[in-house]
C-alpha cells in the first residue's frame, strides 16, 4: 500500500477488503481464535459453511475507494460453467427431501449446488469482479476480501443479513421466498419464510434475555436485480457477557440456508450434496470489538476462487409443496444474472468506458 497526492494506492498483490461500505487495507493480524473478537480492533470476519473461521484485522478503514492498481478481471463465458449436480440429480435430491418431509424428519431443507468455471492466471483479480458487482448488481451487504498469500479471494453481492449487532441488540434478516416478480411469490414461499423465522427466533433465544426476542418485520418484499424476495427481521437483546463464539454456536449455519429442524436438515444436506459449500452459505462481514458492533451477511450470491476455478453457489428451499422442476429453475434464476456479470471485463483504466 502507498499514497499519492492523498490517495491510497493498493496493488494487486496486497491484502484488501470491503465490508459495511468501508475499504480496509494494511493487514496487521490474522487469526482463527474467536477470543480476538472480544479485544480491540476492527476485523474482517469470514466463516465457511463448514464452520472454519478466519479473522483479519486491518489498520486502515475508509469509505473512499483506493486506486486499485492491477485489479483487472476477465471472467468465464456462460458455457464454461459446470455444476456439482445436473438437473436430474438435483431433482432427485428434491424428491428425497420431500420424502424426508413426508416421513416427519424435517419440515424444510435448503438444497444447493456449486457451479465452477476455469479462470486464467491473468486478469483474475477478485477486486475487479467486485467492482463489476457493485456496478451491475448492487447489494445491501456487498463484500470483498483479497489476501493472495492466504489464497483468499471472495466477492459477494449478498442481499441477506445473517447478524448485525449494535451494543446488546442482535438482529437477523432471513430471506425465504424468491421470484422474478411479486406475482411469482406463493403461499409456499410465505409458509417457508415463517417457518425459518421461527427457527431464527429459537436460535437467538439461546443467547438473548428472556422475553426480548421479537419479529419487527415479517414477509416484507425486497426487489433486487432480476429477483424479488420475502424478507423478515428477528431481534433479541443479548445476555450480558455473551461472546461471539457463543453467538455463532447458537445461530450458525444460518437457518435460511439449512432448514428446520436445523440439526436434521444439516444431516440431510450432508447426505445429498456431493461437494463442500465452502464460502457459499457461510458468514461474511465485519466486527468492531471496542464498539460492540458488527455486520455479517449470509454468503449467498457469492464468488470465490479455488485454484484455477471460479466458484459460485445456488440453491432453493425444499418443502412438501415443492415441485422438483420449479426448484431447479429457481437455482437457475438465482445464478443467471450474476454469472453473466462475472463473465464481463473490468480494468481500472476502462472503468469510465464500461
Protein backbone atom coordinates (compact mmCIF):
# COMPACT_ATOMS: atom_id res chain seq x y z
CA UNK A 1 0.00 0.00 0.00
CA UNK A 2 1.23 3.51 -0.83
CA UNK A 3 -0.14 7.03 -1.17
CA UNK A 4 -0.03 9.59 -3.94
CA UNK A 5 -1.50 13.09 -3.55
CA UNK A 6 -3.50 11.86 -0.57
CA UNK A 7 -5.00 8.87 -2.40
CA UNK A 8 -4.39 5.32 -1.14
CA UNK A 9 -2.90 3.05 -3.80
CA UNK A 10 -3.32 -0.70 -3.36
CA UNK A 11 -1.52 -3.05 -5.71
CA UNK A 12 -2.85 -6.37 -6.98
CA UNK A 13 -0.71 -8.49 -4.63
CA UNK A 14 -1.66 -6.57 -1.46
CA UNK A 15 -4.43 -7.52 1.01
CA UNK A 16 -7.64 -5.56 0.60
CA UNK A 17 -11.22 -5.85 1.84
CA UNK A 18 -14.59 -4.15 1.51
CA UNK A 19 -17.37 -4.55 4.08
CA UNK A 20 -20.04 -2.35 5.59
CA UNK A 21 -19.40 0.35 2.99
CA UNK A 22 -15.75 0.73 4.03
CA UNK A 23 -12.47 -0.23 2.35
CA UNK A 24 -9.91 -1.93 4.60
CA UNK A 25 -6.18 -2.02 3.88
CA UNK A 26 -2.91 -2.57 5.76
CA UNK A 27 -3.47 -6.06 7.16
CA UNK A 28 -1.83 -6.38 10.60
CA UNK A 29 -3.18 -9.62 12.11
CA UNK A 30 -4.77 -12.90 11.05
CA UNK A 31 -6.33 -15.36 13.48
CA UNK A 32 -8.77 -18.24 13.78
CA UNK A 33 -9.17 -17.72 17.54
CA UNK A 34 -12.66 -16.46 18.44
CA UNK A 35 -11.32 -14.68 21.53
CA UNK A 36 -9.62 -11.99 19.42
CA UNK A 37 -13.07 -10.60 18.59
CA UNK A 38 -13.57 -9.69 22.23
CA UNK A 39 -10.45 -7.49 22.29
CA UNK A 40 -9.51 -4.34 20.46
CA UNK A 41 -9.69 -3.98 16.71
CA UNK A 42 -11.81 -3.66 13.60
CA UNK A 43 -11.96 -7.08 11.97
CA UNK A 44 -13.00 -8.70 8.74
CA UNK A 45 -14.74 -11.98 9.61
CA UNK A 46 -15.26 -14.88 7.20
CA UNK A 47 -16.59 -18.30 8.22
CA UNK A 48 -17.15 -21.18 5.82
CA UNK A 49 -20.45 -23.03 5.83
CA UNK A 50 -18.49 -25.88 7.47
CA UNK A 51 -17.65 -23.55 10.38
CA UNK A 52 -13.99 -22.70 9.67
CA UNK A 53 -13.33 -19.09 10.78
CA UNK A 54 -10.73 -16.59 9.60
CA UNK A 55 -10.43 -13.18 11.27
CA UNK A 56 -8.33 -10.41 9.74
CA UNK A 57 -7.53 -7.12 11.48
CA UNK A 58 -6.87 -4.18 9.17
CA UNK A 59 -5.36 -0.90 10.34
CA UNK A 60 -6.89 1.43 7.75
CA UNK A 61 -10.64 1.79 7.08
CA UNK A 62 -12.11 4.43 4.78
CA UNK A 63 -15.27 5.00 2.71
CA UNK A 64 -13.13 6.25 -0.18
CA UNK A 65 -12.23 3.59 -2.70
CA UNK A 66 -8.44 3.28 -3.15
CA UNK A 67 -6.75 3.21 -6.52
CA UNK A 68 -6.82 -0.46 -7.46
CA UNK A 69 -3.61 -0.99 -9.34
CA UNK A 70 -3.65 -4.20 -11.36
CA UNK A 71 -7.18 -5.21 -10.32
CA UNK A 72 -8.11 -6.46 -13.79
CA UNK A 73 -10.83 -9.03 -14.38
CA UNK A 74 -11.87 -11.17 -17.34
CA UNK A 75 -14.42 -13.77 -16.33
CA UNK A 76 -15.61 -17.07 -17.80
CA UNK A 77 -18.24 -17.34 -20.52
CA UNK A 78 -21.66 -18.86 -19.84
CA UNK A 79 -20.83 -22.20 -21.49
CA UNK A 80 -17.75 -22.71 -19.30
CA UNK A 81 -19.74 -23.21 -16.08
CA UNK A 82 -20.33 -26.74 -14.76
CA UNK A 83 -22.47 -27.82 -11.80
CA UNK A 84 -21.89 -30.18 -8.89
CA UNK A 85 -25.39 -31.50 -9.60
CA UNK A 86 -27.03 -31.68 -13.00
CA UNK A 87 -30.77 -31.18 -13.40
CA UNK A 88 -31.74 -34.83 -12.92
CA UNK A 89 -29.51 -35.28 -9.88
CA UNK A 90 -30.81 -32.07 -8.32
CA UNK A 91 -34.43 -33.02 -8.94
CA UNK A 92 -33.76 -36.41 -7.34
CA UNK A 93 -32.37 -34.61 -4.28
CA UNK A 94 -35.53 -32.50 -4.15
CA UNK A 95 -37.65 -35.66 -4.20
CA UNK A 96 -35.52 -37.22 -1.44
CA UNK A 97 -36.09 -34.10 0.65
CA UNK A 98 -39.86 -34.26 0.06
CA UNK A 99 -39.78 -37.88 1.23
CA UNK A 100 -37.93 -36.80 4.39
CA UNK A 101 -40.65 -34.21 4.99
CA UNK A 102 -43.35 -36.84 4.47
CA UNK A 103 -41.59 -39.10 7.00
CA UNK A 104 -41.59 -36.28 9.57
CA UNK A 105 -37.79 -35.96 9.64
CA UNK A 106 -37.71 -32.31 8.50
CA UNK A 107 -40.14 -29.54 7.66
CA UNK A 108 -37.83 -27.85 5.15
CA UNK A 109 -34.26 -28.17 3.86
CA UNK A 110 -32.19 -25.97 1.58
CA UNK A 111 -30.54 -27.99 -1.21
CA UNK A 112 -27.67 -26.33 -3.05
CA UNK A 113 -25.28 -26.92 -5.91
CA UNK A 114 -21.88 -25.40 -6.66
CA UNK A 115 -21.02 -24.01 -10.09
CA UNK A 116 -17.40 -23.92 -11.29
CA UNK A 117 -15.67 -22.39 -14.30
CA UNK A 118 -11.99 -22.23 -15.27
CA UNK A 119 -10.31 -18.89 -14.63
CA UNK A 120 -6.94 -17.98 -16.08
CA UNK A 121 -3.91 -16.81 -14.11
CA UNK A 122 -4.05 -13.33 -15.70
CA UNK A 123 -6.94 -10.88 -15.31
CA UNK A 124 -8.45 -12.76 -12.35
CA UNK A 125 -8.15 -10.21 -9.57
CA UNK A 126 -11.24 -10.56 -7.36
CA UNK A 127 -11.29 -6.81 -6.68
CA UNK A 128 -12.09 -6.28 -10.35
CA UNK A 129 -15.03 -8.69 -10.15
CA UNK A 130 -16.22 -6.89 -7.03
CA UNK A 131 -16.28 -3.61 -8.97
CA UNK A 132 -18.48 -5.24 -11.61
CA UNK A 133 -20.84 -6.48 -8.91
CA UNK A 134 -21.03 -3.04 -7.30
CA UNK A 135 -21.95 -1.55 -10.65
CA UNK A 136 -24.23 -4.22 -12.15
CA UNK A 137 -25.69 -5.94 -9.06
CA UNK A 138 -25.64 -3.51 -6.11
CA UNK A 139 -26.46 -5.32 -2.88
CA UNK A 140 -27.04 -4.20 0.71
CA UNK A 141 -24.26 -6.46 2.02
CA UNK A 142 -21.63 -6.14 -0.70
CA UNK A 143 -18.36 -7.72 0.41
CA UNK A 144 -14.88 -8.39 -0.94
CA UNK A 145 -11.76 -9.99 0.52
CA UNK A 146 -8.44 -10.40 -1.25
CA UNK A 147 -5.43 -11.84 0.59
CA UNK A 148 -3.25 -13.58 -2.03
CA UNK A 149 -0.77 -15.05 0.45
CA UNK A 150 -3.65 -16.84 2.24
CA UNK A 151 -5.35 -17.80 -1.04
CA UNK A 152 -8.46 -15.84 -0.02
CA UNK A 153 -10.39 -14.40 -2.96
CA UNK A 154 -14.08 -13.67 -2.24
CA UNK A 155 -16.55 -11.24 -3.85
CA UNK A 156 -20.16 -11.18 -2.68
CA UNK A 157 -23.39 -9.40 -3.63
CA UNK A 158 -25.38 -10.87 -0.75
CA UNK A 159 -28.84 -9.42 -0.10
CA UNK A 160 -29.25 -11.27 3.20
CA UNK A 161 -28.36 -10.20 6.73
CA UNK A 162 -27.09 -13.02 8.91
CA UNK A 163 -26.34 -11.00 12.04
CA UNK A 164 -25.95 -7.35 12.93
CA UNK A 165 -25.03 -6.07 16.34
CA UNK A 166 -25.34 -2.67 17.99
CA UNK A 167 -24.33 -2.90 21.63
CA UNK A 168 -26.60 -5.54 23.17
CA UNK A 169 -29.05 -5.70 20.24
CA UNK A 170 -28.65 -8.64 17.87
CA UNK A 171 -30.60 -8.75 14.60
CA UNK A 172 -31.05 -11.33 11.85
CA UNK A 173 -32.81 -10.91 8.50
CA UNK A 174 -33.70 -14.27 6.94
CA UNK A 175 -34.74 -14.40 3.28
CA UNK A 176 -37.12 -17.10 2.14
CA UNK A 177 -39.23 -16.79 -1.00
CA UNK A 178 -37.85 -15.86 -4.41
CA UNK A 179 -39.47 -14.96 -7.72
CA UNK A 180 -39.00 -12.84 -10.79
CA UNK A 181 -41.91 -10.60 -9.78
CA UNK A 182 -44.38 -10.13 -6.94
CA UNK A 183 -46.83 -12.42 -8.73
CA UNK A 184 -44.35 -15.32 -8.53
CA UNK A 185 -44.39 -15.34 -4.72
CA UNK A 186 -46.67 -18.10 -3.47
CA UNK A 187 -48.25 -19.37 -0.28
CA UNK A 188 -45.43 -21.93 -0.21
CA UNK A 189 -42.89 -19.06 -0.11
CA UNK A 190 -44.72 -17.31 2.73
CA UNK A 191 -45.07 -20.51 4.76
CA UNK A 192 -41.39 -21.27 4.26
CA UNK A 193 -40.37 -17.78 5.42
CA UNK A 194 -42.49 -18.04 8.57
CA UNK A 195 -41.01 -21.47 9.29
CA UNK A 196 -37.45 -20.10 9.12
CA UNK A 197 -38.39 -17.03 11.17
CA UNK A 198 -39.50 -19.39 13.92
CA UNK A 199 -36.18 -21.24 13.68
CA UNK A 200 -34.20 -17.97 13.90
CA UNK A 201 -36.29 -16.89 16.91
CA UNK A 202 -35.26 -20.09 18.67
CA UNK A 203 -31.60 -19.58 17.70
CA UNK A 204 -31.49 -16.01 19.03
CA UNK A 205 -33.36 -17.00 22.18
CA UNK A 206 -30.40 -19.15 23.24
CA UNK A 207 -28.22 -16.04 23.69
CA UNK A 208 -30.88 -13.38 24.39
CA UNK A 209 -32.57 -12.21 27.57
CA UNK A 210 -35.85 -13.94 28.30
CA UNK A 211 -38.74 -12.18 26.58
CA UNK A 212 -36.54 -9.94 24.42
CA UNK A 213 -36.79 -11.82 21.11
CA UNK A 214 -39.08 -10.01 18.69
CA UNK A 215 -40.08 -10.05 15.00
CA UNK A 216 -40.20 -6.36 14.00
CA UNK A 217 -40.62 -7.13 10.28
CA UNK A 218 -42.39 -10.09 8.68
CA UNK A 219 -42.71 -11.03 4.99
CA UNK A 220 -41.50 -7.73 3.57
CA UNK A 221 -40.91 -7.77 -0.18
CA UNK A 222 -37.49 -6.61 -1.41
CA UNK A 223 -36.61 -6.06 -5.07
CA UNK A 224 -33.12 -6.94 -6.30
CA UNK A 225 -31.71 -7.14 -9.85
CA UNK A 226 -33.87 -9.72 -11.64
CA UNK A 227 -35.46 -11.00 -8.40
CA UNK A 228 -37.95 -10.26 -5.66
CA UNK A 229 -37.51 -11.74 -2.16
CA UNK A 230 -39.54 -12.14 1.01
CA UNK A 231 -37.53 -10.80 3.95
CA UNK A 232 -38.23 -10.82 7.69
CA UNK A 233 -36.35 -9.42 10.70
CA UNK A 234 -35.79 -11.06 14.08
CA UNK A 235 -34.12 -9.29 17.02
CA UNK A 236 -33.03 -10.04 20.55
CA UNK A 237 -31.22 -8.38 23.47
CA UNK A 238 -28.02 -10.24 24.25
CA UNK A 239 -27.40 -11.73 27.67
CA UNK A 240 -24.62 -9.70 29.27
CA UNK A 241 -21.19 -11.23 28.72
CA UNK A 242 -22.17 -13.38 25.74
CA UNK A 243 -19.16 -13.98 23.46
CA UNK A 244 -19.07 -14.14 19.68
CA UNK A 245 -18.20 -17.81 19.83
CA UNK A 246 -21.36 -18.41 21.88
CA UNK A 247 -23.42 -16.34 19.44
CA UNK A 248 -22.19 -18.38 16.48
CA UNK A 249 -22.64 -21.58 18.44
CA UNK A 250 -26.36 -20.88 18.71
CA UNK A 251 -27.06 -19.34 15.30
CA UNK A 252 -24.66 -20.83 12.72
CA UNK A 253 -25.05 -22.01 10.00
CA UNK A 254 -27.86 -19.58 9.12
CA UNK A 255 -31.31 -21.15 9.25
CA UNK A 256 -32.34 -19.81 5.84
CA UNK A 257 -29.67 -21.93 4.12
CA UNK A 258 -30.07 -25.06 6.23
CA UNK A 259 -33.65 -25.83 7.22
CA UNK A 260 -35.85 -26.87 10.10
CA UNK A 261 -35.22 -28.56 12.40
CA UNK A 262 -31.68 -27.38 11.75
CA UNK A 263 -29.81 -30.41 13.11
CA UNK A 264 -31.81 -32.86 10.99
CA UNK A 265 -31.64 -30.60 7.93
CA UNK A 266 -27.86 -30.45 8.25
CA UNK A 267 -27.61 -34.24 8.20
CA UNK A 268 -29.93 -34.48 5.20
CA UNK A 269 -27.95 -31.82 3.31
CA UNK A 270 -24.71 -33.69 4.00
CA UNK A 271 -26.20 -36.88 2.56
CA UNK A 272 -27.48 -35.23 -0.64
CA UNK A 273 -24.92 -32.58 -1.64
CA UNK A 274 -21.79 -34.09 -3.25
CA UNK A 275 -19.33 -31.23 -2.54
CA UNK A 276 -18.46 -28.74 0.18
CA UNK A 277 -20.26 -25.40 0.13
CA UNK A 278 -17.12 -23.62 1.40
CA UNK A 279 -17.72 -19.84 1.47
CA UNK A 280 -21.19 -20.25 0.00
CA UNK A 281 -23.81 -20.05 2.77
CA UNK A 282 -21.17 -19.12 5.34
CA UNK A 283 -20.81 -15.72 7.04
CA UNK A 284 -19.04 -12.69 5.54
CA UNK A 285 -18.59 -9.29 7.14
CA UNK A 286 -17.01 -7.14 9.80
CA UNK A 287 -16.83 -6.76 13.58
CA UNK A 288 -15.71 -3.81 15.69
CA UNK A 289 -14.73 -5.08 19.13
CA UNK A 290 -14.49 -1.74 21.04
CA UNK A 291 -17.87 -0.54 19.74
CA UNK A 292 -19.58 -3.95 20.12
CA UNK A 293 -20.91 -3.60 16.61
CA UNK A 294 -20.95 -5.93 13.61
CA UNK A 295 -22.49 -6.61 10.24
CA UNK A 296 -22.41 -10.13 8.79
CA UNK A 297 -24.17 -11.37 5.69
CA UNK A 298 -25.18 -14.86 4.64
CA UNK A 299 -22.63 -15.78 1.97
CA UNK A 300 -25.13 -16.22 -0.86
CA UNK A 301 -24.74 -14.56 -4.30
CA UNK A 302 -21.01 -15.00 -3.73
CA UNK A 303 -17.99 -15.88 -5.87
CA UNK A 304 -14.67 -17.27 -4.73
CA UNK A 305 -11.56 -18.64 -6.38
CA UNK A 306 -10.23 -22.14 -5.65
CA UNK A 307 -7.06 -22.98 -7.54
CA UNK A 308 -7.75 -22.30 -11.20
CA UNK A 309 -11.55 -22.22 -10.85
CA UNK A 310 -14.12 -19.54 -10.11
CA UNK A 311 -16.91 -20.89 -7.88
CA UNK A 312 -20.49 -19.81 -7.25
CA UNK A 313 -23.30 -21.42 -5.24
CA UNK A 314 -27.03 -21.52 -5.82
CA UNK A 315 -29.87 -23.33 -4.06
CA UNK A 316 -33.53 -23.46 -3.07
CA UNK A 317 -35.60 -24.26 -0.01
CA UNK A 318 -37.47 -27.55 -0.35
CA UNK A 319 -40.78 -28.37 1.36
CA UNK A 320 -43.55 -30.92 0.78
CA UNK A 321 -45.15 -28.43 -1.63
CA UNK A 322 -42.01 -28.20 -3.78
CA UNK A 323 -42.07 -29.09 -7.45
CA UNK A 324 -38.67 -30.52 -8.42
CA UNK A 325 -38.54 -28.85 -11.85
CA UNK A 326 -39.59 -25.48 -10.39
CA UNK A 327 -36.94 -25.70 -7.66
CA UNK A 328 -34.27 -26.42 -10.30
CA UNK A 329 -35.45 -23.36 -12.22
CA UNK A 330 -35.16 -21.26 -9.06
CA UNK A 331 -31.49 -22.21 -8.74
CA UNK A 332 -31.01 -21.28 -12.41
CA UNK A 333 -32.76 -17.93 -11.88
CA UNK A 334 -30.58 -17.07 -8.89
CA UNK A 335 -27.38 -17.81 -10.84
CA UNK A 336 -28.20 -16.45 -14.31
CA UNK A 337 -27.70 -12.72 -13.79
CA UNK A 338 -24.67 -12.91 -11.53
CA UNK A 339 -22.71 -15.42 -13.60
CA UNK A 340 -23.35 -13.12 -16.59
CA UNK A 341 -21.91 -10.20 -14.61
CA UNK A 342 -18.88 -12.32 -13.69
CA UNK A 343 -18.28 -13.02 -17.39
CA UNK A 344 -17.60 -9.35 -18.12
CA UNK A 345 -14.32 -7.45 -18.03
CA UNK A 346 -13.08 -4.73 -15.71
CA UNK A 347 -9.90 -2.68 -15.55
CA UNK A 348 -9.19 0.50 -13.62
CA UNK A 349 -8.34 2.34 -16.83
CA UNK A 350 -11.52 1.09 -18.54
CA UNK A 351 -13.92 1.89 -15.71
CA UNK A 352 -15.41 5.09 -17.17
CA UNK A 353 -15.87 3.43 -20.55
CA UNK A 354 -17.85 0.37 -19.36
